[in-house]
Amino acid sequence: MSVSKEPEQAMLPNSAKVLKGRRALITGSTAGLGQVMAARLAEAGCNVMLHGLETPEAVEPQREALAGRTGSQIAYHRADLSTPAEVEGLVAAANAELGGVDILINNAVVRHFASIMDFPPDQWDMALAVNLSAIFHAVRLLLPQMREQNFGRIFNITSVYGLRGTPGRVGYVTTKSAILGLTRAVALENLDVDVTCHSLCPGSVLTPGTESRVEELMADRGIDRGAAERLFLEGKQPGGSFVSPQSVSDLLVFLCGPIARDMTGAMLPVEGGWLAS
């Protein structure tokens, strides 16, 4: 499996290293939105544990480049989040490499497209394990240390599809909806300490997965890229453009700071007006 190059973006000025010394674990962070979030947190001063399914050798150029560009400590751990033991191993590796975790971003996800009548049971079990149970295990394992140190920021990346149904995505819609309830419960159970929990709900972001579907539309319909993007986003973002991953990652940086101490349990859409339409 190839690893996408680290996204090119302007680095925040040194004076903006508002999270210097914080430690972040981000699941599903070697490509797509997770990769951009990891880069932005590193730019803001965080030491970061990357996670994915690729071999350490495949990820090493990306890890080294991000560490060199930001000056942050960047580590990587490979884990299959469909099993609790692997989630536990990932958390243990983050604690060992970074000396603890202050910020947890549950971003890893699997998708399978089929109606409920055609949805394979093994894909249903996989969706529950990776999209939902892995979050439960990571949170339960890291909450004790967050509470003890009186600081923690937990972000569960859900989706617009956690707020509205759509055909052919029963596993994705179900798990993303359930994450909202888990987020609210965690938030309410930790009001006595500086530990917050939010659900971020992005719309369509141009990730490797959506890129391949845009390219398929171009090939199948014989249309140019602009037309393919508009067709893909039809009925979604009313502005007709993809959500910038930088918008999501900049919101994360804000919510990790002290100014957001009194914000918790929120469902925060970043979806270009999709839910307003």
C-alpha atoms as a PDB file:
ATOM      1  CA  MET A   1       0.000   0.000   0.000  1.00  0.00           C
ATOM      2  CA  SER A   2       1.494   3.327  -1.005  1.00  0.00           C
ATOM      3  CA  VAL A   3       1.685   6.212   1.429  1.00  0.00           C
ATOM      4  CA  SER A   4       0.740   9.630   0.141  1.00  0.00           C
ATOM      5  CA  LYS A   5       3.271  12.394   0.435  1.00  0.00           C
ATOM      6  CA  GLU A   6       2.983  14.804   3.301  1.00  0.00           C
ATOM      7  CA  PRO A   7       0.694  17.641   2.163  1.00  0.00           C
ATOM      8  CA  GLU A   8       2.474  20.843   1.249  1.00  0.00           C
ATOM      9  CA  GLN A   9       1.206  23.764   3.287  1.00  0.00           C
ATOM     10  CA  ALA A  10       2.541  26.955   4.799  1.00  0.00           C
ATOM     11  CA  MET A  11       3.899  26.318   8.258  1.00  0.00           C
ATOM     12  CA  LEU A  12       2.543  28.338  11.136  1.00  0.00           C
ATOM     13  CA  PRO A  13       5.019  30.942  12.426  1.00  0.00           C
ATOM     14  CA  ASN A  14       7.096  29.912  15.455  1.00  0.00           C
ATOM     15  CA  SER A  15       5.100  32.311  17.626  1.00  0.00           C
ATOM     16  CA  ALA A  16       2.021  30.219  16.838  1.00  0.00           C
ATOM     17  CA  LYS A  17       3.357  27.039  18.477  1.00  0.00           C
ATOM     18  CA  VAL A  18       0.476  27.281  20.895  1.00  0.00           C
ATOM     19  CA  LEU A  19       0.516  23.564  21.708  1.00  0.00           C
ATOM     20  CA  LYS A  20       4.246  23.207  22.300  1.00  0.00           C
ATOM     21  CA  GLY A  21       4.939  20.196  24.489  1.00  0.00           C
ATOM     22  CA  ARG A  22       1.520  18.615  24.068  1.00  0.00           C
ATOM     23  CA  ARG A  23       1.353  15.000  22.891  1.00  0.00           C
ATOM     24  CA  ALA A  24      -1.162  13.758  20.335  1.00  0.00           C
ATOM     25  CA  LEU A  25      -2.236  10.324  19.138  1.00  0.00           C
ATOM     26  CA  ILE A  26      -4.095  10.363  15.813  1.00  0.00           C
ATOM     27  CA  THR A  27      -5.509   7.174  14.351  1.00  0.00           C
ATOM     28  CA  GLY A  28      -5.605   6.813  10.584  1.00  0.00           C
ATOM     29  CA  SER A  29      -3.030   9.559  10.101  1.00  0.00           C
ATOM     30  CA  THR A  30      -0.742   8.516   7.248  1.00  0.00           C
ATOM     31  CA  ALA A  31      -3.015   9.871   4.505  1.00  0.00           C
ATOM     32  CA  GLY A  32      -6.005  12.083   3.859  1.00  0.00           C
ATOM     33  CA  LEU A  33      -7.584  14.208   6.570  1.00  0.00           C
ATOM     34  CA  GLY A  34      -5.727  12.401   9.352  1.00  0.00           C
ATOM     35  CA  GLN A  35      -2.400  13.245   7.761  1.00  0.00           C
ATOM     36  CA  VAL A  36      -3.300  16.940   7.516  1.00  0.00           C
ATOM     37  CA  MET A  37      -4.475  17.033  11.134  1.00  0.00           C
ATOM     38  CA  ALA A  38      -1.228  15.411  12.259  1.00  0.00           C
ATOM     39  CA  ALA A  39       0.830  17.941  10.311  1.00  0.00           C
ATOM     40  CA  ARG A  40      -1.092  20.925  11.689  1.00  0.00           C
ATOM     41  CA  LEU A  41      -0.763  19.740  15.289  1.00  0.00           C
ATOM     42  CA  ALA A  42       2.952  19.163  14.784  1.00  0.00           C
ATOM     43  CA  GLU A  43       3.275  22.682  13.376  1.00  0.00           C
ATOM     44  CA  ALA A  44       1.520  23.986  16.486  1.00  0.00           C
ATOM     45  CA  GLY A  45       4.165  22.321  18.657  1.00  0.00           C
ATOM     46  CA  CYS A  46       2.636  18.909  19.402  1.00  0.00           C
ATOM     47  CA  ASN A  47       4.643  15.734  19.506  1.00  0.00           C
ATOM     48  CA  VAL A  48       2.645  13.254  17.444  1.00  0.00           C
ATOM     49  CA  MET A  49       2.104   9.511  17.227  1.00  0.00           C
ATOM     50  CA  LEU A  50       1.030   8.603  13.711  1.00  0.00           C
ATOM     51  CA  HIS A  51      -0.975   5.448  13.078  1.00  0.00           C
ATOM     52  CA  GLY A  52      -1.836   3.354  10.044  1.00  0.00           C
ATOM     53  CA  LEU A  53      -1.678  -0.095   8.505  1.00  0.00           C
ATOM     54  CA  GLU A  54       1.507   0.477   6.489  1.00  0.00           C
ATOM     55  CA  THR A  55       4.884  -0.904   7.492  1.00  0.00           C
ATOM     56  CA  PRO A  56       7.170   1.401   9.482  1.00  0.00           C
ATOM     57  CA  GLU A  57       9.591   1.360   6.542  1.00  0.00           C
ATOM     58  CA  ALA A  58       6.919   2.691   4.190  1.00  0.00           C
ATOM     59  CA  VAL A  59       5.983   5.507   6.562  1.00  0.00           C
ATOM     60  CA  GLU A  60       9.531   6.472   7.537  1.00  0.00           C
ATOM     61  CA  PRO A  61      10.065   9.117   4.789  1.00  0.00           C
ATOM     62  CA  GLN A  62       6.817  10.839   5.802  1.00  0.00           C
ATOM     63  CA  ARG A  63       7.653  10.636   9.508  1.00  0.00           C
ATOM     64  CA  GLU A  64      11.173  11.981   8.985  1.00  0.00           C
ATOM     65  CA  ALA A  65       9.992  14.837   6.757  1.00  0.00           C
ATOM     66  CA  LEU A  66       7.350  15.998   9.234  1.00  0.00           C
ATOM     67  CA  ALA A  67       9.780  15.836  12.150  1.00  0.00           C
ATOM     68  CA  GLY A  68      12.395  17.776  10.219  1.00  0.00           C
ATOM     69  CA  ARG A  69       9.977  20.439   9.027  1.00  0.00           C
ATOM     70  CA  THR A  70       8.273  21.103  12.368  1.00  0.00           C
ATOM     71  CA  GLY A  71      10.891  20.239  14.971  1.00  0.00           C
ATOM     72  CA  SER A  72       8.324  18.090  16.773  1.00  0.00           C
ATOM     73  CA  GLN A  73       8.842  14.493  17.839  1.00  0.00           C
ATOM     74  CA  ILE A  74       7.015  12.267  15.359  1.00  0.00           C
ATOM     75  CA  ALA A  75       6.561   8.539  15.941  1.00  0.00           C
ATOM     76  CA  TYR A  76       4.617   5.840  14.101  1.00  0.00           C
ATOM     77  CA  HIS A  77       2.906   2.628  15.165  1.00  0.00           C
ATOM     78  CA  ARG A  78       1.195   0.093  12.940  1.00  0.00           C
ATOM     79  CA  ALA A  79      -2.013  -1.396  14.352  1.00  0.00           C
ATOM     80  CA  ASP A  80      -5.151  -3.159  13.144  1.00  0.00           C
ATOM     81  CA  LEU A  81      -7.841  -1.400  15.172  1.00  0.00           C
ATOM     82  CA  SER A  82     -10.397  -4.141  14.590  1.00  0.00           C
ATOM     83  CA  THR A  83      -9.029  -5.955  17.652  1.00  0.00           C
ATOM     84  CA  PRO A  84      -8.900  -4.550  21.215  1.00  0.00           C
ATOM     85  CA  ALA A  85      -5.398  -5.935  21.721  1.00  0.00           C
ATOM     86  CA  GLU A  86      -4.063  -3.861  18.824  1.00  0.00           C
ATOM     87  CA  VAL A  87      -5.752  -0.717  20.171  1.00  0.00           C
ATOM     88  CA  GLU A  88      -4.130  -1.396  23.529  1.00  0.00           C
ATOM     89  CA  GLY A  89      -0.787  -1.857  21.784  1.00  0.00           C
ATOM     90  CA  LEU A  90      -1.176   1.474  19.978  1.00  0.00           C
ATOM     91  CA  VAL A  91      -1.984   3.322  23.201  1.00  0.00           C
ATOM     92  CA  ALA A  92       0.943   1.660  24.963  1.00  0.00           C
ATOM     93  CA  ALA A  93       3.279   2.636  22.120  1.00  0.00           C
ATOM     94  CA  ALA A  94       2.086   6.262  22.238  1.00  0.00           C
ATOM     95  CA  ASN A  95       2.643   6.400  25.991  1.00  0.00           C
ATOM     96  CA  ALA A  96       6.103   4.878  25.635  1.00  0.00           C
ATOM     97  CA  GLU A  97       7.244   7.019  22.698  1.00  0.00           C
ATOM     98  CA  LEU A  98       5.703  10.339  23.747  1.00  0.00           C
ATOM     99  CA  GLY A  99       5.645   9.952  27.517  1.00  0.00           C
ATOM    100  CA  GLY A 100       1.852  10.176  27.598  1.00  0.00           C
ATOM    101  CA  VAL A 101      -1.054  11.453  25.516  1.00  0.00           C
ATOM    102  CA  ASP A 102      -2.817  14.792  25.966  1.00  0.00           C
ATOM    103  CA  ILE A 103      -4.802  14.829  22.707  1.00  0.00           C
ATOM    104  CA  LEU A 104      -6.594  11.828  21.220  1.00  0.00           C
ATOM    105  CA  ILE A 105      -8.046  12.052  17.720  1.00  0.00           C
ATOM    106  CA  ASN A 106     -10.108   9.029  16.694  1.00  0.00           C
ATOM    107  CA  ASN A 107     -10.047   9.334  12.917  1.00  0.00           C
ATOM    108  CA  ALA A 108      -9.529   5.817  11.514  1.00  0.00           C
ATOM    109  CA  VAL A 109     -12.491   4.473   9.550  1.00  0.00           C
ATOM    110  CA  VAL A 110     -13.581   1.681   7.233  1.00  0.00           C
ATOM    111  CA  ARG A 111     -16.349   1.931   4.651  1.00  0.00           C
ATOM    112  CA  HIS A 112     -18.365  -0.574   2.680  1.00  0.00           C
ATOM    113  CA  PHE A 113     -21.050   0.447   0.225  1.00  0.00           C
ATOM    114  CA  ALA A 114     -24.121  -1.797   0.013  1.00  0.00           C
ATOM    115  CA  SER A 115     -27.784  -1.861   0.976  1.00  0.00           C
ATOM    116  CA  ILE A 116     -28.628  -3.561   4.253  1.00  0.00           C
ATOM    117  CA  MET A 117     -29.939  -6.625   2.397  1.00  0.00           C
ATOM    118  CA  ASP A 118     -26.630  -6.998   0.565  1.00  0.00           C
ATOM    119  CA  PHE A 119     -24.332  -5.849   3.365  1.00  0.00           C
ATOM    120  CA  PRO A 120     -21.896  -8.671   4.260  1.00  0.00           C
ATOM    121  CA  PRO A 121     -22.047  -9.531   7.971  1.00  0.00           C
ATOM    122  CA  ASP A 122     -18.268  -9.542   8.231  1.00  0.00           C
ATOM    123  CA  GLN A 123     -18.168  -5.968   6.900  1.00  0.00           C
ATOM    124  CA  TRP A 124     -20.783  -4.965   9.475  1.00  0.00           C
ATOM    125  CA  ASP A 125     -18.641  -6.446  12.257  1.00  0.00           C
ATOM    126  CA  MET A 126     -15.570  -4.685  10.870  1.00  0.00           C
ATOM    127  CA  ALA A 127     -17.378  -1.323  10.793  1.00  0.00           C
ATOM    128  CA  LEU A 128     -18.464  -1.708  14.411  1.00  0.00           C
ATOM    129  CA  ALA A 129     -14.965  -2.753  15.486  1.00  0.00           C
ATOM    130  CA  VAL A 130     -12.906  -0.064  13.725  1.00  0.00           C
ATOM    131  CA  ASN A 131     -15.332   2.855  13.551  1.00  0.00           C
ATOM    132  CA  LEU A 132     -16.827   2.520  17.033  1.00  0.00           C
ATOM    133  CA  SER A 133     -15.299  -0.038  19.397  1.00  0.00           C
ATOM    134  CA  ALA A 134     -11.742   1.162  18.728  1.00  0.00           C
ATOM    135  CA  ILE A 135     -12.818   4.624  19.905  1.00  0.00           C
ATOM    136  CA  PHE A 136     -14.320   3.167  23.077  1.00  0.00           C
ATOM    137  CA  HIS A 137     -11.120   1.274  23.867  1.00  0.00           C
ATOM    138  CA  ALA A 138      -8.780   4.194  23.141  1.00  0.00           C
ATOM    139  CA  VAL A 139     -10.839   6.574  25.272  1.00  0.00           C
ATOM    140  CA  ARG A 140     -11.203   4.207  28.223  1.00  0.00           C
ATOM    141  CA  LEU A 141      -7.464   3.519  28.204  1.00  0.00           C
ATOM    142  CA  LEU A 142      -6.356   7.156  28.014  1.00  0.00           C
ATOM    143  CA  LEU A 143      -8.940   8.847  30.234  1.00  0.00           C
ATOM    144  CA  PRO A 144      -7.299   7.884  33.558  1.00  0.00           C
ATOM    145  CA  GLN A 145      -4.051   9.677  32.718  1.00  0.00           C
ATOM    146  CA  MET A 146      -5.891  12.671  31.243  1.00  0.00           C
ATOM    147  CA  ARG A 147      -7.926  13.018  34.413  1.00  0.00           C
ATOM    148  CA  GLU A 148      -4.870  12.604  36.632  1.00  0.00           C
ATOM    149  CA  GLN A 149      -2.968  15.342  34.794  1.00  0.00           C
ATOM    150  CA  ASN A 150      -6.136  17.507  34.606  1.00  0.00           C
ATOM    151  CA  PHE A 151      -5.875  17.973  30.876  1.00  0.00           C
ATOM    152  CA  GLY A 152      -7.188  16.093  27.883  1.00  0.00           C
ATOM    153  CA  ARG A 153      -8.716  16.778  24.498  1.00  0.00           C
ATOM    154  CA  ILE A 154     -10.626  13.985  22.773  1.00  0.00           C
ATOM    155  CA  PHE A 155     -11.924  14.345  19.227  1.00  0.00           C
ATOM    156  CA  ASN A 156     -14.081  11.744  17.542  1.00  0.00           C
ATOM    157  CA  ILE A 157     -14.193  12.336  13.802  1.00  0.00           C
ATOM    158  CA  THR A 158     -17.691  11.558  12.656  1.00  0.00           C
ATOM    159  CA  SER A 159     -19.367  12.906   9.521  1.00  0.00           C
ATOM    160  CA  VAL A 160     -22.391  14.624   8.086  1.00  0.00           C
ATOM    161  CA  TYR A 161     -23.614  11.047   7.647  1.00  0.00           C
ATOM    162  CA  GLY A 162     -23.776  10.770  11.429  1.00  0.00           C
ATOM    163  CA  LEU A 163     -26.605  13.315  11.285  1.00  0.00           C
ATOM    164  CA  ARG A 164     -28.589  12.169   8.283  1.00  0.00           C
ATOM    165  CA  GLY A 165     -29.362   8.871   6.621  1.00  0.00           C
ATOM    166  CA  THR A 166     -28.371   7.858   3.141  1.00  0.00           C
ATOM    167  CA  PRO A 167     -28.884   4.601   1.242  1.00  0.00           C
ATOM    168  CA  GLY A 168     -26.061   2.163   0.661  1.00  0.00           C
ATOM    169  CA  ARG A 169     -24.000   3.140   3.716  1.00  0.00           C
ATOM    170  CA  VAL A 170     -25.663   1.342   6.613  1.00  0.00           C
ATOM    171  CA  GLY A 171     -22.405   0.474   8.393  1.00  0.00           C
ATOM    172  CA  TYR A 172     -20.947   3.949   8.017  1.00  0.00           C
ATOM    173  CA  VAL A 173     -24.134   5.845   8.941  1.00  0.00           C
ATOM    174  CA  THR A 174     -24.802   3.624  11.970  1.00  0.00           C
ATOM    175  CA  THR A 175     -21.323   3.884  13.442  1.00  0.00           C
ATOM    176  CA  LYS A 176     -20.959   7.598  12.756  1.00  0.00           C
ATOM    177  CA  SER A 177     -24.317   8.237  14.440  1.00  0.00           C
ATOM    178  CA  ALA A 178     -23.325   6.169  17.468  1.00  0.00           C
ATOM    179  CA  ILE A 179     -20.125   8.184  17.885  1.00  0.00           C
ATOM    180  CA  LEU A 180     -22.239  11.253  18.673  1.00  0.00           C
ATOM    181  CA  GLY A 181     -23.783   9.509  21.676  1.00  0.00           C
ATOM    182  CA  LEU A 182     -20.442   8.219  22.889  1.00  0.00           C
ATOM    183  CA  THR A 183     -19.017  11.745  22.651  1.00  0.00           C
ATOM    184  CA  ARG A 184     -21.807  13.269  24.748  1.00  0.00           C
ATOM    185  CA  ALA A 185     -21.447  10.589  27.430  1.00  0.00           C
ATOM    186  CA  VAL A 186     -17.674  11.068  27.689  1.00  0.00           C
ATOM    187  CA  ALA A 187     -18.063  14.843  27.843  1.00  0.00           C
ATOM    188  CA  LEU A 188     -20.579  14.698  30.691  1.00  0.00           C
ATOM    189  CA  GLU A 189     -18.549  12.195  32.689  1.00  0.00           C
ATOM    190  CA  ASN A 190     -15.530  14.523  32.774  1.00  0.00           C
ATOM    191  CA  LEU A 191     -16.956  17.932  33.611  1.00  0.00           C
ATOM    192  CA  ASP A 192     -15.028  17.974  36.892  1.00  0.00           C
ATOM    193  CA  VAL A 193     -11.645  18.164  35.117  1.00  0.00           C
ATOM    194  CA  ASP A 194     -10.123  19.958  32.131  1.00  0.00           C
ATOM    195  CA  VAL A 195     -10.905  17.077  29.789  1.00  0.00           C
ATOM    196  CA  THR A 196     -13.181  17.798  26.841  1.00  0.00           C
ATOM    197  CA  CYS A 197     -14.664  15.594  24.149  1.00  0.00           C
ATOM    198  CA  HIS A 198     -16.083  16.700  20.806  1.00  0.00           C
ATOM    199  CA  SER A 199     -17.383  15.211  17.591  1.00  0.00           C
ATOM    200  CA  LEU A 200     -16.075  16.882  14.456  1.00  0.00           C
ATOM    201  CA  CYS A 201     -18.389  16.361  11.503  1.00  0.00           C
ATOM    202  CA  PRO A 202     -16.639  17.104   8.207  1.00  0.00           C
ATOM    203  CA  GLY A 203     -18.421  17.137   4.904  1.00  0.00           C
ATOM    204  CA  SER A 204     -16.750  15.813   1.767  1.00  0.00           C
ATOM    205  CA  VAL A 205     -12.998  16.361   1.950  1.00  0.00           C
ATOM    206  CA  LEU A 206     -10.763  15.612  -1.026  1.00  0.00           C
ATOM    207  CA  THR A 207      -8.996  12.551   0.380  1.00  0.00           C
ATOM    208  CA  PRO A 208      -7.386   9.699  -1.600  1.00  0.00           C
ATOM    209  CA  GLY A 209     -10.718   7.851  -1.417  1.00  0.00           C
ATOM    210  CA  THR A 210     -12.801  10.696  -2.816  1.00  0.00           C
ATOM    211  CA  GLU A 211     -10.085  11.486  -5.352  1.00  0.00           C
ATOM    212  CA  SER A 212     -10.401   7.989  -6.827  1.00  0.00           C
ATOM    213  CA  ARG A 213     -14.167   8.373  -7.101  1.00  0.00           C
ATOM    214  CA  VAL A 214     -13.815  11.739  -8.850  1.00  0.00           C
ATOM    215  CA  GLU A 215     -11.380  10.152 -11.288  1.00  0.00           C
ATOM    216  CA  GLU A 216     -13.837   7.311 -11.914  1.00  0.00           C
ATOM    217  CA  LEU A 217     -16.546   9.844 -12.758  1.00  0.00           C
ATOM    218  CA  MET A 218     -14.209  11.592 -15.183  1.00  0.00           C
ATOM    219  CA  ALA A 219     -13.418   8.302 -16.923  1.00  0.00           C
ATOM    220  CA  ASP A 220     -16.961   6.875 -16.904  1.00  0.00           C
ATOM    221  CA  ARG A 221     -18.731  10.067 -17.998  1.00  0.00           C
ATOM    222  CA  GLY A 222     -16.013  11.518 -20.206  1.00  0.00           C
ATOM    223  CA  ILE A 223     -16.122  14.824 -18.327  1.00  0.00           C
ATOM    224  CA  ASP A 224     -13.468  17.194 -17.036  1.00  0.00           C
ATOM    225  CA  ARG A 225     -12.401  17.444 -13.430  1.00  0.00           C
ATOM    226  CA  GLY A 226     -14.545  20.464 -12.560  1.00  0.00           C
ATOM    227  CA  ALA A 227     -17.671  18.756 -13.882  1.00  0.00           C
ATOM    228  CA  ALA A 228     -16.779  15.526 -12.053  1.00  0.00           C
ATOM    229  CA  GLU A 229     -16.336  17.350  -8.743  1.00  0.00           C
ATOM    230  CA  ARG A 230     -19.644  19.156  -9.141  1.00  0.00           C
ATOM    231  CA  LEU A 231     -21.372  15.866  -9.943  1.00  0.00           C
ATOM    232  CA  PHE A 232     -19.794  14.135  -6.956  1.00  0.00           C
ATOM    233  CA  LEU A 233     -20.860  16.947  -4.628  1.00  0.00           C
ATOM    234  CA  GLU A 234     -24.375  17.256  -6.037  1.00  0.00           C
ATOM    235  CA  GLY A 235     -26.845  17.201  -3.146  1.00  0.00           C
ATOM    236  CA  LYS A 236     -24.022  17.661  -0.633  1.00  0.00           C
ATOM    237  CA  GLN A 237     -22.066  20.870  -0.126  1.00  0.00           C
ATOM    238  CA  PRO A 238     -24.252  23.556  -1.720  1.00  0.00           C
ATOM    239  CA  GLY A 239     -21.209  25.636  -2.680  1.00  0.00           C
ATOM    240  CA  GLY A 240     -20.046  22.846  -4.964  1.00  0.00           C
ATOM    241  CA  SER A 241     -16.525  22.609  -3.559  1.00  0.00           C
ATOM    242  CA  PHE A 242     -14.754  20.215  -1.217  1.00  0.00           C
ATOM    243  CA  VAL A 243     -14.179  21.097   2.429  1.00  0.00           C
ATOM    244  CA  SER A 244     -10.577  22.128   3.056  1.00  0.00           C
ATOM    245  CA  PRO A 245      -8.823  19.734   5.441  1.00  0.00           C
ATOM    246  CA  GLN A 246      -7.007  22.780   6.822  1.00  0.00           C
ATOM    247  CA  SER A 247     -10.368  24.101   8.065  1.00  0.00           C
ATOM    248  CA  VAL A 248     -10.801  20.967  10.161  1.00  0.00           C
ATOM    249  CA  SER A 249      -7.224  20.926  11.442  1.00  0.00           C
ATOM    250  CA  ASP A 250      -7.242  24.624  12.388  1.00  0.00           C
ATOM    251  CA  LEU A 251     -10.445  24.043  14.379  1.00  0.00           C
ATOM    252  CA  LEU A 252      -8.642  21.244  16.217  1.00  0.00           C
ATOM    253  CA  VAL A 253      -5.803  23.546  17.225  1.00  0.00           C
ATOM    254  CA  PHE A 254      -8.293  26.080  18.559  1.00  0.00           C
ATOM    255  CA  LEU A 255     -10.197  23.474  20.565  1.00  0.00           C
ATOM    256  CA  CYS A 256      -6.981  22.145  22.100  1.00  0.00           C
ATOM    257  CA  GLY A 257      -6.182  25.504  23.651  1.00  0.00           C
ATOM    258  CA  PRO A 258      -7.289  26.977  26.988  1.00  0.00           C
ATOM    259  CA  ILE A 259      -9.848  29.219  25.309  1.00  0.00           C
ATOM    260  CA  ALA A 260     -11.977  26.128  24.645  1.00  0.00           C
ATOM    261  CA  ARG A 261     -12.034  24.907  28.267  1.00  0.00           C
ATOM    262  CA  ASP A 262     -15.773  25.555  28.541  1.00  0.00           C
ATOM    263  CA  MET A 263     -16.645  23.832  25.266  1.00  0.00           C
ATOM    264  CA  THR A 264     -17.356  20.132  25.489  1.00  0.00           C
ATOM    265  CA  GLY A 265     -19.735  17.544  24.092  1.00  0.00           C
ATOM    266  CA  ALA A 266     -20.277  19.549  20.912  1.00  0.00           C
ATOM    267  CA  MET A 267     -21.156  18.331  17.460  1.00  0.00           C
ATOM    268  CA  LEU A 268     -19.127  20.655  15.237  1.00  0.00           C
ATOM    269  CA  PRO A 269     -19.967  20.538  11.521  1.00  0.00           C
ATOM    270  CA  VAL A 270     -17.335  21.618   8.986  1.00  0.00           C
ATOM    271  CA  GLU A 271     -19.382  20.889   5.890  1.00  0.00           C
ATOM    272  CA  GLY A 272     -19.763  23.976   3.723  1.00  0.00           C
ATOM    273  CA  GLY A 273     -23.430  24.467   4.573  1.00  0.00           C
ATOM    274  CA  TRP A 274     -24.505  20.903   3.730  1.00  0.00           C
ATOM    275  CA  LEU A 275     -26.641  20.575   6.866  1.00  0.00           C
ATOM    276  CA  ALA A 276     -28.185  24.006   6.327  1.00  0.00           C
ATOM    277  CA  SER A 277     -29.503  23.120   2.879  1.00  0.00           C
END
